[in-house]
PDB file of N, CA and C in Angstrom:
ATOM      1  N   UNK A   1      21.902 -17.642  12.187  1.00  0.00           N
ATOM      2  CA  UNK A   1      20.868 -17.528  11.187  1.00  0.00           C
ATOM      3  C   UNK A   1      20.716 -16.082  10.699  1.00  0.00           C
ATOM      4  N   UNK A   2      20.988 -15.128  11.587  1.00  0.00           N
ATOM      5  CA  UNK A   2      20.843 -13.727  11.198  1.00  0.00           C
ATOM      6  C   UNK A   2      21.748 -13.362  10.032  1.00  0.00           C
ATOM      7  N   UNK A   3      22.903 -13.976   9.936  1.00  0.00           N
ATOM      8  CA  UNK A   3      23.822 -13.632   8.854  1.00  0.00           C
ATOM      9  C   UNK A   3      23.469 -14.343   7.559  1.00  0.00           C
ATOM     10  N   UNK A   4      22.944 -15.560   7.662  1.00  0.00           N
ATOM     11  CA  UNK A   4      22.661 -16.316   6.447  1.00  0.00           C
ATOM     12  C   UNK A   4      21.225 -16.154   5.961  1.00  0.00           C
ATOM     13  N   UNK A   5      20.306 -15.876   6.849  1.00  0.00           N
ATOM     14  CA  UNK A   5      18.883 -15.781   6.491  1.00  0.00           C
ATOM     15  C   UNK A   5      18.289 -14.449   6.960  1.00  0.00           C
ATOM     16  N   UNK A   6      18.971 -13.353   6.673  1.00  0.00           N
ATOM     17  CA  UNK A   6      18.550 -12.034   7.149  1.00  0.00           C
ATOM     18  C   UNK A   6      17.120 -11.686   6.724  1.00  0.00           C
ATOM     19  N   UNK A   7      16.769 -11.938   5.491  1.00  0.00           N
ATOM     20  CA  UNK A   7      15.431 -11.610   4.995  1.00  0.00           C
ATOM     21  C   UNK A   7      14.367 -12.398   5.754  1.00  0.00           C
ATOM     22  N   UNK A   8      14.601 -13.661   5.960  1.00  0.00           N
ATOM     23  CA  UNK A   8      13.659 -14.501   6.687  1.00  0.00           C
ATOM     24  C   UNK A   8      13.478 -14.010   8.126  1.00  0.00           C
ATOM     25  N   UNK A   9      14.565 -13.667   8.768  1.00  0.00           N
ATOM     26  CA  UNK A   9      14.506 -13.161  10.143  1.00  0.00           C
ATOM     27  C   UNK A   9      13.749 -11.837  10.186  1.00  0.00           C
ATOM     28  N   UNK A  10      14.016 -10.943   9.251  1.00  0.00           N
ATOM     29  CA  UNK A  10      13.312  -9.660   9.190  1.00  0.00           C
ATOM     30  C   UNK A  10      11.813  -9.859   8.988  1.00  0.00           C
ATOM     31  N   UNK A  11      11.439 -10.775   8.106  1.00  0.00           N
ATOM     32  CA  UNK A  11      10.023 -11.050   7.856  1.00  0.00           C
ATOM     33  C   UNK A  11       9.357 -11.647   9.085  1.00  0.00           C
ATOM     34  N   UNK A  12      10.029 -12.563   9.753  1.00  0.00           N
ATOM     35  CA  UNK A  12       9.472 -13.179  10.962  1.00  0.00           C
ATOM     36  C   UNK A  12       9.302 -12.144  12.073  1.00  0.00           C
ATOM     37  N   UNK A  13      10.261 -11.237  12.189  1.00  0.00           N
ATOM     38  CA  UNK A  13      10.170 -10.176  13.189  1.00  0.00           C
ATOM     39  C   UNK A  13       8.997  -9.253  12.893  1.00  0.00           C
ATOM     40  N   UNK A  14       8.824  -8.902  11.638  1.00  0.00           N
ATOM     41  CA  UNK A  14       7.705  -8.042  11.241  1.00  0.00           C
ATOM     42  C   UNK A  14       6.368  -8.711  11.550  1.00  0.00           C
ATOM     43  N   UNK A  15       6.241  -9.963  11.206  1.00  0.00           N
ATOM     44  CA  UNK A  15       4.997 -10.700  11.474  1.00  0.00           C
ATOM     45  C   UNK A  15       4.731 -10.764  12.974  1.00  0.00           C
ATOM     46  N   UNK A  16       5.745 -11.065  13.747  1.00  0.00           N
ATOM     47  CA  UNK A  16       5.597 -11.146  15.198  1.00  0.00           C
ATOM     48  C   UNK A  16       5.159  -9.803  15.788  1.00  0.00           C
ATOM     49  N   UNK A  17       5.792  -8.739  15.345  1.00  0.00           N
ATOM     50  CA  UNK A  17       5.446  -7.404  15.828  1.00  0.00           C
ATOM     51  C   UNK A  17       4.004  -7.050  15.492  1.00  0.00           C
ATOM     52  N   UNK A  18       3.604  -7.309  14.262  1.00  0.00           N
ATOM     53  CA  UNK A  18       2.237  -6.985  13.839  1.00  0.00           C
ATOM     54  C   UNK A  18       1.199  -7.837  14.565  1.00  0.00           C
ATOM     55  N   UNK A  19       1.511  -9.086  14.811  1.00  0.00           N
ATOM     56  CA  UNK A  19       0.583  -9.945  15.555  1.00  0.00           C
ATOM     57  C   UNK A  19       0.410  -9.435  16.986  1.00  0.00           C
ATOM     58  N   UNK A  20       1.497  -9.019  17.601  1.00  0.00           N
ATOM     59  CA  UNK A  20       1.405  -8.454  18.947  1.00  0.00           C
ATOM     60  C   UNK A  20       0.594  -7.172  18.955  1.00  0.00           C
ATOM     61  N   UNK A  21       0.821  -6.320  17.957  1.00  0.00           N
ATOM     62  CA  UNK A  21       0.078  -5.061  17.889  1.00  0.00           C
ATOM     63  C   UNK A  21      -1.404  -5.283  17.681  1.00  0.00           C
ATOM     64  N   UNK A  22      -1.768  -6.314  16.944  1.00  0.00           N
ATOM     65  CA  UNK A  22      -3.191  -6.561  16.730  1.00  0.00           C
ATOM     66  C   UNK A  22      -3.829  -7.282  17.908  1.00  0.00           C
ATOM     67  N   UNK A  23      -3.033  -8.025  18.670  1.00  0.00           N
ATOM     68  CA  UNK A  23      -3.570  -8.776  19.801  1.00  0.00           C
ATOM     69  C   UNK A  23      -3.700  -7.907  21.050  1.00  0.00           C
ATOM     70  N   UNK A  24      -2.773  -6.993  21.239  1.00  0.00           N
ATOM     71  CA  UNK A  24      -2.780  -6.142  22.426  1.00  0.00           C
ATOM     72  C   UNK A  24      -2.996  -4.712  21.969  1.00  0.00           C
ATOM     73  N   UNK A  25      -4.185  -4.208  22.188  1.00  0.00           N
ATOM     74  CA  UNK A  25      -4.472  -2.841  21.760  1.00  0.00           C
ATOM     75  C   UNK A  25      -3.913  -1.863  22.802  1.00  0.00           C
ATOM     76  N   UNK A  26      -3.674  -0.648  22.367  1.00  0.00           N
ATOM     77  CA  UNK A  26      -3.058   0.351  23.242  1.00  0.00           C
ATOM     78  C   UNK A  26      -3.845   0.591  24.518  1.00  0.00           C
ATOM     79  N   UNK A  27      -5.156   0.602  24.445  1.00  0.00           N
ATOM     80  CA  UNK A  27      -5.943   0.857  25.653  1.00  0.00           C
ATOM     81  C   UNK A  27      -5.707  -0.225  26.696  1.00  0.00           C
ATOM     82  N   UNK A  28      -5.606  -1.488  26.265  1.00  0.00           N
ATOM     83  CA  UNK A  28      -5.319  -2.567  27.207  1.00  0.00           C
ATOM     84  C   UNK A  28      -3.913  -2.432  27.781  1.00  0.00           C
ATOM     85  N   UNK A  29      -2.960  -2.117  26.914  1.00  0.00           N
ATOM     86  CA  UNK A  29      -1.577  -1.974  27.355  1.00  0.00           C
ATOM     87  C   UNK A  29      -1.460  -0.866  28.394  1.00  0.00           C
ATOM     88  N   UNK A  30      -2.088   0.277  28.117  1.00  0.00           N
ATOM     89  CA  UNK A  30      -2.015   1.392  29.047  1.00  0.00           C
ATOM     90  C   UNK A  30      -2.764   1.101  30.344  1.00  0.00           C
ATOM     91  N   UNK A  31      -3.905   0.450  30.252  1.00  0.00           N
ATOM     92  CA  UNK A  31      -4.660   0.112  31.459  1.00  0.00           C
ATOM     93  C   UNK A  31      -3.795  -0.739  32.388  1.00  0.00           C
ATOM     94  N   UNK A  32      -3.179  -1.780  31.831  1.00  0.00           N
ATOM     95  CA  UNK A  32      -2.329  -2.657  32.632  1.00  0.00           C
ATOM     96  C   UNK A  32      -1.110  -1.916  33.165  1.00  0.00           C
ATOM     97  N   UNK A  33      -0.526  -1.039  32.354  1.00  0.00           N
ATOM     98  CA  UNK A  33       0.651  -0.283  32.785  1.00  0.00           C
ATOM     99  C   UNK A  33       0.306   0.666  33.932  1.00  0.00           C
ATOM    100  N   UNK A  34      -0.826   1.340  33.837  1.00  0.00           N
ATOM    101  CA  UNK A  34      -1.227   2.269  34.893  1.00  0.00           C
ATOM    102  C   UNK A  34      -1.556   1.503  36.173  1.00  0.00           C
ATOM    103  N   UNK A  35      -2.206   0.357  36.040  1.00  0.00           N
ATOM    104  CA  UNK A  35      -2.482  -0.487  37.209  1.00  0.00           C
ATOM    105  C   UNK A  35      -1.178  -0.872  37.909  1.00  0.00           C
ATOM    106  N   UNK A  36      -0.217  -1.355  37.139  1.00  0.00           N
ATOM    107  CA  UNK A  36       1.065  -1.782  37.705  1.00  0.00           C
ATOM    108  C   UNK A  36       1.820  -0.603  38.302  1.00  0.00           C
ATOM    109  N   UNK A  37       1.800   0.528  37.626  1.00  0.00           N
ATOM    110  CA  UNK A  37       2.479   1.724  38.130  1.00  0.00           C
ATOM    111  C   UNK A  37       1.880   2.169  39.467  1.00  0.00           C
ATOM    112  N   UNK A  38       0.563   2.095  39.586  1.00  0.00           N
ATOM    113  CA  UNK A  38      -0.062   2.483  40.857  1.00  0.00           C
ATOM    114  C   UNK A  38       0.313   1.505  41.962  1.00  0.00           C
ATOM    115  N   UNK A  39       0.417   0.214  41.630  1.00  0.00           N
ATOM    116  CA  UNK A  39       0.858  -0.766  42.631  1.00  0.00           C
ATOM    117  C   UNK A  39       2.291  -0.461  43.079  1.00  0.00           C
ATOM    118  N   UNK A  40       3.134  -0.153  42.104  1.00  0.00           N
ATOM    119  CA  UNK A  40       4.524   0.178  42.435  1.00  0.00           C
ATOM    120  C   UNK A  40       4.565   1.378  43.377  1.00  0.00           C
ATOM    121  N   UNK A  41       3.814   2.397  43.039  1.00  0.00           N
ATOM    122  CA  UNK A  41       3.865   3.622  43.838  1.00  0.00           C
ATOM    123  C   UNK A  41       3.271   3.426  45.227  1.00  0.00           C
ATOM    124  N   UNK A  42       2.079   2.853  45.306  1.00  0.00           N
ATOM    125  CA  UNK A  42       1.395   2.774  46.593  1.00  0.00           C
ATOM    126  C   UNK A  42       1.899   1.634  47.472  1.00  0.00           C
ATOM    127  N   UNK A  43       2.393   0.559  46.901  1.00  0.00           N
ATOM    128  CA  UNK A  43       2.918  -0.531  47.723  1.00  0.00           C
ATOM    129  C   UNK A  43       4.337  -0.246  48.202  1.00  0.00           C
ATOM    130  N   UNK A  44       5.149   0.337  47.331  1.00  0.00           N
ATOM    131  CA  UNK A  44       6.550   0.599  47.683  1.00  0.00           C
ATOM    132  C   UNK A  44       6.803   2.050  48.067  1.00  0.00           C
ATOM    133  N   UNK A  45       5.830   2.914  47.797  1.00  0.00           N
ATOM    134  CA  UNK A  45       6.004   4.360  47.990  1.00  0.00           C
ATOM    135  C   UNK A  45       7.260   4.835  47.284  1.00  0.00           C
ATOM    136  N   UNK A  46       7.377   4.390  46.028  1.00  0.00           N
ATOM    137  CA  UNK A  46       8.586   4.662  45.247  1.00  0.00           C
ATOM    138  C   UNK A  46       8.211   5.322  43.920  1.00  0.00           C
ATOM    139  N   UNK A  47       8.237   6.656  43.924  1.00  0.00           N
ATOM    140  CA  UNK A  47       7.897   7.401  42.725  1.00  0.00           C
ATOM    141  C   UNK A  47       8.883   7.184  41.596  1.00  0.00           C
ATOM    142  N   UNK A  48      10.155   7.004  41.943  1.00  0.00           N
ATOM    143  CA  UNK A  48      11.169   6.797  40.918  1.00  0.00           C
ATOM    144  C   UNK A  48      10.959   5.471  40.193  1.00  0.00           C
ATOM    145  N   UNK A  49      10.618   4.421  40.930  1.00  0.00           N
ATOM    146  CA  UNK A  49      10.351   3.119  40.303  1.00  0.00           C
ATOM    147  C   UNK A  49       9.128   3.209  39.395  1.00  0.00           C
ATOM    148  N   UNK A  50       8.107   3.946  39.832  1.00  0.00           N
ATOM    149  CA  UNK A  50       6.913   4.131  39.008  1.00  0.00           C
ATOM    150  C   UNK A  50       7.279   4.863  37.716  1.00  0.00           C
ATOM    151  N   UNK A  51       8.053   5.929  37.854  1.00  0.00           N
ATOM    152  CA  UNK A  51       8.489   6.694  36.683  1.00  0.00           C
ATOM    153  C   UNK A  51       9.292   5.813  35.733  1.00  0.00           C
ATOM    154  N   UNK A  52      10.246   5.058  36.261  1.00  0.00           N
ATOM    155  CA  UNK A  52      11.076   4.180  35.436  1.00  0.00           C
ATOM    156  C   UNK A  52      10.256   3.102  34.745  1.00  0.00           C
ATOM    157  N   UNK A  53       9.180   2.665  35.380  1.00  0.00           N
ATOM    158  CA  UNK A  53       8.299   1.670  34.766  1.00  0.00           C
ATOM    159  C   UNK A  53       7.519   2.276  33.603  1.00  0.00           C
ATOM    160  N   UNK A  54       7.030   3.507  33.769  1.00  0.00           N
ATOM    161  CA  UNK A  54       6.174   4.126  32.752  1.00  0.00           C
ATOM    162  C   UNK A  54       6.940   4.824  31.626  1.00  0.00           C
ATOM    163  N   UNK A  55       8.183   5.208  31.869  1.00  0.00           N
ATOM    164  CA  UNK A  55       8.944   5.964  30.863  1.00  0.00           C
ATOM    165  C   UNK A  55       9.041   5.251  29.512  1.00  0.00           C
ATOM    166  N   UNK A  56       9.347   3.943  29.448  1.00  0.00           N
ATOM    167  CA  UNK A  56       9.427   3.291  28.133  1.00  0.00           C
ATOM    168  C   UNK A  56       8.077   3.242  27.412  1.00  0.00           C
ATOM    169  N   UNK A  57       7.011   3.130  28.159  1.00  0.00           N
ATOM    170  CA  UNK A  57       5.676   3.091  27.542  1.00  0.00           C
ATOM    171  C   UNK A  57       5.335   4.466  26.982  1.00  0.00           C
ATOM    172  N   UNK A  58       5.704   5.505  27.711  1.00  0.00           N
ATOM    173  CA  UNK A  58       5.494   6.867  27.198  1.00  0.00           C
ATOM    174  C   UNK A  58       6.340   7.104  25.947  1.00  0.00           C
ATOM    175  N   UNK A  59       7.527   6.550  25.914  1.00  0.00           N
ATOM    176  CA  UNK A  59       8.399   6.712  24.740  1.00  0.00           C
ATOM    177  C   UNK A  59       7.749   6.091  23.501  1.00  0.00           C
ATOM    178  N   UNK A  60       6.991   5.033  23.684  1.00  0.00           N
ATOM    179  CA  UNK A  60       6.282   4.403  22.565  1.00  0.00           C
ATOM    180  C   UNK A  60       5.267   5.359  21.933  1.00  0.00           C
ATOM    181  N   UNK A  61       4.761   6.286  22.708  1.00  0.00           N
ATOM    182  CA  UNK A  61       3.760   7.224  22.202  1.00  0.00           C
ATOM    183  C   UNK A  61       4.361   8.225  21.218  1.00  0.00           C
ATOM    184  N   UNK A  62       5.679   8.277  21.118  1.00  0.00           N
ATOM    185  CA  UNK A  62       6.323   9.217  20.211  1.00  0.00           C
ATOM    186  C   UNK A  62       6.290   8.757  18.762  1.00  0.00           C
ATOM    187  N   UNK A  63       6.046   7.481  18.534  1.00  0.00           N
ATOM    188  CA  UNK A  63       5.986   7.008  17.142  1.00  0.00           C
ATOM    189  C   UNK A  63       4.582   7.242  16.592  1.00  0.00           C
ATOM    190  N   UNK A  64       4.513   7.345  15.296  1.00  0.00           N
ATOM    191  CA  UNK A  64       3.242   7.611  14.627  1.00  0.00           C
ATOM    192  C   UNK A  64       2.320   6.393  14.719  1.00  0.00           C
ATOM    193  N   UNK A  65       1.040   6.610  14.956  1.00  0.00           N
ATOM    194  CA  UNK A  65       0.100   5.483  14.971  1.00  0.00           C
ATOM    195  C   UNK A  65      -0.091   4.932  13.555  1.00  0.00           C
ATOM    196  N   UNK A  66      -0.241   3.616  13.461  1.00  0.00           N
ATOM    197  CA  UNK A  66      -0.387   2.972  12.158  1.00  0.00           C
ATOM    198  C   UNK A  66      -1.792   2.453  11.902  1.00  0.00           C
ATOM    199  N   UNK A  67      -2.406   1.883  12.906  1.00  0.00           N
ATOM    200  CA  UNK A  67      -3.715   1.257  12.712  1.00  0.00           C
ATOM    201  C   UNK A  67      -4.819   2.227  13.111  1.00  0.00           C
ATOM    202  N   UNK A  68      -6.026   1.932  12.691  1.00  0.00           N
ATOM    203  CA  UNK A  68      -7.173   2.763  13.075  1.00  0.00           C
ATOM    204  C   UNK A  68      -7.359   2.755  14.591  1.00  0.00           C
ATOM    205  N   UNK A  69      -7.123   1.617  15.200  1.00  0.00           N
ATOM    206  CA  UNK A  69      -7.227   1.522  16.651  1.00  0.00           C
ATOM    207  C   UNK A  69      -6.224   2.459  17.321  1.00  0.00           C
ATOM    208  N   UNK A  70      -4.990   2.460  16.840  1.00  0.00           N
ATOM    209  CA  UNK A  70      -3.961   3.337  17.399  1.00  0.00           C
ATOM    210  C   UNK A  70      -4.303   4.801  17.171  1.00  0.00           C
ATOM    211  N   UNK A  71      -4.775   5.137  15.992  1.00  0.00           N
ATOM    212  CA  UNK A  71      -5.159   6.522  15.697  1.00  0.00           C
ATOM    213  C   UNK A  71      -6.259   6.981  16.641  1.00  0.00           C
ATOM    214  N   UNK A  72      -7.249   6.136  16.845  1.00  0.00           N
ATOM    215  CA  UNK A  72      -8.342   6.458  17.757  1.00  0.00           C
ATOM    216  C   UNK A  72      -7.830   6.663  19.182  1.00  0.00           C
ATOM    217  N   UNK A  73      -6.949   5.783  19.627  1.00  0.00           N
ATOM    218  CA  UNK A  73      -6.383   5.903  20.970  1.00  0.00           C
ATOM    219  C   UNK A  73      -5.604   7.205  21.100  1.00  0.00           C
ATOM    220  N   UNK A  74      -4.765   7.501  20.121  1.00  0.00           N
ATOM    221  CA  UNK A  74      -3.970   8.735  20.164  1.00  0.00           C
ATOM    222  C   UNK A  74      -4.882   9.961  20.218  1.00  0.00           C
ATOM    223  N   UNK A  75      -5.936   9.953  19.407  1.00  0.00           N
ATOM    224  CA  UNK A  75      -6.844  11.101  19.392  1.00  0.00           C
ATOM    225  C   UNK A  75      -7.535  11.280  20.737  1.00  0.00           C
ATOM    226  N   UNK A  76      -7.859  10.188  21.381  1.00  0.00           N
ATOM    227  CA  UNK A  76      -8.586  10.258  22.640  1.00  0.00           C
ATOM    228  C   UNK A  76      -7.721  10.489  23.867  1.00  0.00           C
ATOM    229  N   UNK A  77      -6.499   9.966  23.872  1.00  0.00           N
ATOM    230  CA  UNK A  77      -5.734   9.946  25.112  1.00  0.00           C
ATOM    231  C   UNK A  77      -4.328  10.508  25.055  1.00  0.00           C
ATOM    232  N   UNK A  78      -3.769  10.725  23.886  1.00  0.00           N
ATOM    233  CA  UNK A  78      -2.363  11.146  23.797  1.00  0.00           C
ATOM    234  C   UNK A  78      -2.088  12.431  24.565  1.00  0.00           C
ATOM    235  N   UNK A  79      -2.959  13.423  24.450  1.00  0.00           N
ATOM    236  CA  UNK A  79      -2.691  14.693  25.133  1.00  0.00           C
ATOM    237  C   UNK A  79      -2.745  14.518  26.654  1.00  0.00           C
ATOM    238  N   UNK A  80      -3.680  13.720  27.149  1.00  0.00           N
ATOM    239  CA  UNK A  80      -3.761  13.470  28.588  1.00  0.00           C
ATOM    240  C   UNK A  80      -2.531  12.712  29.090  1.00  0.00           C
ATOM    241  N   UNK A  81      -2.097  11.720  28.326  1.00  0.00           N
ATOM    242  CA  UNK A  81      -0.914  10.953  28.724  1.00  0.00           C
ATOM    243  C   UNK A  81       0.340  11.812  28.681  1.00  0.00           C
ATOM    244  N   UNK A  82       0.430  12.681  27.697  1.00  0.00           N
ATOM    245  CA  UNK A  82       1.576  13.594  27.610  1.00  0.00           C
ATOM    246  C   UNK A  82       1.587  14.550  28.801  1.00  0.00           C
ATOM    247  N   UNK A  83       0.429  15.074  29.158  1.00  0.00           N
ATOM    248  CA  UNK A  83       0.350  15.969  30.316  1.00  0.00           C
ATOM    249  C   UNK A  83       0.723  15.224  31.601  1.00  0.00           C
ATOM    250  N   UNK A  84       0.225  14.005  31.755  1.00  0.00           N
ATOM    251  CA  UNK A  84       0.545  13.206  32.940  1.00  0.00           C
ATOM    252  C   UNK A  84       2.046  12.942  33.030  1.00  0.00           C
ATOM    253  N   UNK A  85       2.662  12.649  31.889  1.00  0.00           N
ATOM    254  CA  UNK A  85       4.087  12.374  31.888  1.00  0.00           C
ATOM    255  C   UNK A  85       4.878  13.632  32.232  1.00  0.00           C
ATOM    256  N   UNK A  86       4.431  14.777  31.775  1.00  0.00           N
ATOM    257  CA  UNK A  86       5.136  16.020  32.121  1.00  0.00           C
ATOM    258  C   UNK A  86       5.029  16.288  33.625  1.00  0.00           C
ATOM    259  N   UNK A  87       3.869  15.968  34.220  1.00  0.00           N
ATOM    260  CA  UNK A  87       3.726  16.105  35.671  1.00  0.00           C
ATOM    261  C   UNK A  87       4.649  15.128  36.401  1.00  0.00           C
ATOM    262  N   UNK A  88       4.771  13.914  35.869  1.00  0.00           N
ATOM    263  CA  UNK A  88       5.667  12.939  36.478  1.00  0.00           C
ATOM    264  C   UNK A  88       7.108  13.421  36.422  1.00  0.00           C
ATOM    265  N   UNK A  89       7.511  13.987  35.288  1.00  0.00           N
ATOM    266  CA  UNK A  89       8.874  14.507  35.162  1.00  0.00           C
ATOM    267  C   UNK A  89       9.119  15.616  36.191  1.00  0.00           C
ATOM    268  N   UNK A  90       8.138  16.509  36.333  1.00  0.00           N
ATOM    269  CA  UNK A  90       8.270  17.594  37.289  1.00  0.00           C
ATOM    270  C   UNK A  90       8.363  17.040  38.714  1.00  0.00           C
ATOM    271  N   UNK A  91       7.565  16.046  39.016  1.00  0.00           N
ATOM    272  CA  UNK A  91       7.589  15.406  40.326  1.00  0.00           C
ATOM    273  C   UNK A  91       8.958  14.789  40.597  1.00  0.00           C
ATOM    274  N   UNK A  92       9.532  14.150  39.575  1.00  0.00           N
ATOM    275  CA  UNK A  92      10.835  13.517  39.739  1.00  0.00           C
ATOM    276  C   UNK A  92      11.916  14.557  39.986  1.00  0.00           C
ATOM    277  N   UNK A  93      11.818  15.729  39.375  1.00  0.00           N
ATOM    278  CA  UNK A  93      12.808  16.789  39.590  1.00  0.00           C
ATOM    279  C   UNK A  93      12.733  17.329  41.004  1.00  0.00           C
ATOM    280  N   UNK A  94      11.526  17.426  41.566  1.00  0.00           N
ATOM    281  CA  UNK A  94      11.372  17.982  42.905  1.00  0.00           C
ATOM    282  C   UNK A  94      11.714  16.970  43.990  1.00  0.00           C
ATOM    283  N   UNK A  95      11.695  15.669  43.672  1.00  0.00           N
ATOM    284  CA  UNK A  95      11.981  14.639  44.664  1.00  0.00           C
ATOM    285  C   UNK A  95      13.456  14.518  44.993  1.00  0.00           C
ATOM    286  N   UNK A  96      14.305  15.013  44.164  1.00  0.00           N
ATOM    287  CA  UNK A  96      15.752  14.832  44.387  1.00  0.00           C
ATOM    288  C   UNK A  96      16.253  15.609  45.520  1.00  0.00           C
TER     289      UNK A  96
END
């Protein structure tokens, strides 16, 4: 279908992405991610697994916010999350 109905697939993907973004706000996503990361770290005592779990979520913070909700979240928490991630990177370098 991707070759014959490319426009339809692109539109469906866009709609799906936007519906997910409106249903799951960044604060909820981060709350759940931090909860899971803490479980990974404290249950397994595995800093590398925690880092690997959080790295893709931190990478999402590099894109520009689009919605008012995202802008508000970035204004309130982006600098703290960036600082936390830099500490995690430093921790990972010292663990080797």
